[in-house]
């Protein structure tokens, strides 16, 4: 096995690979720009042909590497559906392992979040714009840079080792609906289980400690998202005539929501777990710099800041159906519907967390308000096994690719489909990496990718692939 030199330099047999990465980097940036210009959004309200164009573009990039035995665009039925509705197009490219070498699956997704209010963007969301060392565009970081990290790494591998001499097995899987809940993910795995079987799975959809320090994500919170409808009346009434005696739905909803948090802002729902785990140093100043917390506004919760983000549950109201300000009138509202999103501490099942939330809300409904729960969407948390050989290889490749030691990292967000991968391929080692940094603003206006982070991510993945290709499986 190749190992890094004591002084931190990359060994000679990997130097040609890194030179190939450097030579191919401008093309990787250009291809990223072309992908970003395709507004592939899986929400039905958006043009669904964009996702077809996006999948076709990525399939073409995969074929051009010359490494794969087959490159296809596939769809699978939506889970729990009637079988007629198909999920969004995914790219599946497969190369069989040779001479006892491992197979690595490279995952990313080509769909993106909706842009939101375009007035909040400093430049058009689907026109990549470079300023201050960053590329600004929707999907530039999440996750089309993940797609291009895979493609650029494979190009470097093809240039330096060549298809004939490469023994590593490779599965490239780029799905098209991660931002929309990966609704056909499990059926897709079931339909293609044999072709996708792998020893190592790299999920390029996470982040790093900062723009210079790489990370391997070892824990992610789960999620429990649902719609809550609060009803107190069977029709609207005049607020002047009956206000003070009749509780309207908004009053009941506000009172009910206030029971979800204590005075510090920590979640106060019995049955929601907290994980006990150490976190790296991270102070309030860094939190303010990375999030835009306004002067005078205090952080929520208690304990270490990263502990609150990585290891504790949250409940956030992310949407509400109610009368707009422009249409407001002196009326007692009969009902209000809210979207509640709960992040679940690593180690607790999302089903148990949702059950605790529903029990709490029913037990605390004020004035006997009627509650209805719908659109329940659950995704389990992830705790990565850090004892396998693959994570050691990943840490070493990241250190050589970035020039800094990698850290083990927790993520407050969720990637629920990882549990599907674990269930389908229990022997595979999971590596969660990514190109985002705390200033990427994924899902927000002015999303961006740090260009040097992108470069270093490609270097690291190319090294990992080359080294796995030299490794004999037991």
Foldseek 3Di string as FASTA:
>chain_A
DDFADPVLAHDPVCPLLLVLLVVCQVVLVVLLLVLLLQQQAQPPVDDNVSLVVNQVSLLVLVVVLVQFPDKDWDWFAFPPDPRPHIGHIKIKTWDAAPDQFFEEEQEAASHFFPQPDQVPFPDGQSRWDDDPQWTWHTCSFRPSLSSSLVSSLSSSCCVSQNNVRFRYIYIYIYHYQQVVQCRCVLVVCVVCVVRRFGQAYEYAGDEAAFQQAFAWEFWEWKKKKWKKKWFQDPDKDFCVVCPPPGAFAVNLVVQLVVQQADPQRAGDFPQADFDDDDDDDDDPVNVCVLPVPDPPDDDGDDDGPVSCQFTGKHKDWDDKDDDDPVRDDRMRHGMIMIMIMMTGGAPDFQVSVVVRVVVSSCVRRPPNIDMDIDPIRIAHMGGFDPPDPLNVLLQSLLCSLSVHGYYHDGGSHGSRCVVSVCVSHVSHHYTYTYQHGSNQPGPHHRGIGRSVSSSSSSSSVSSSSVVSSVDRDD
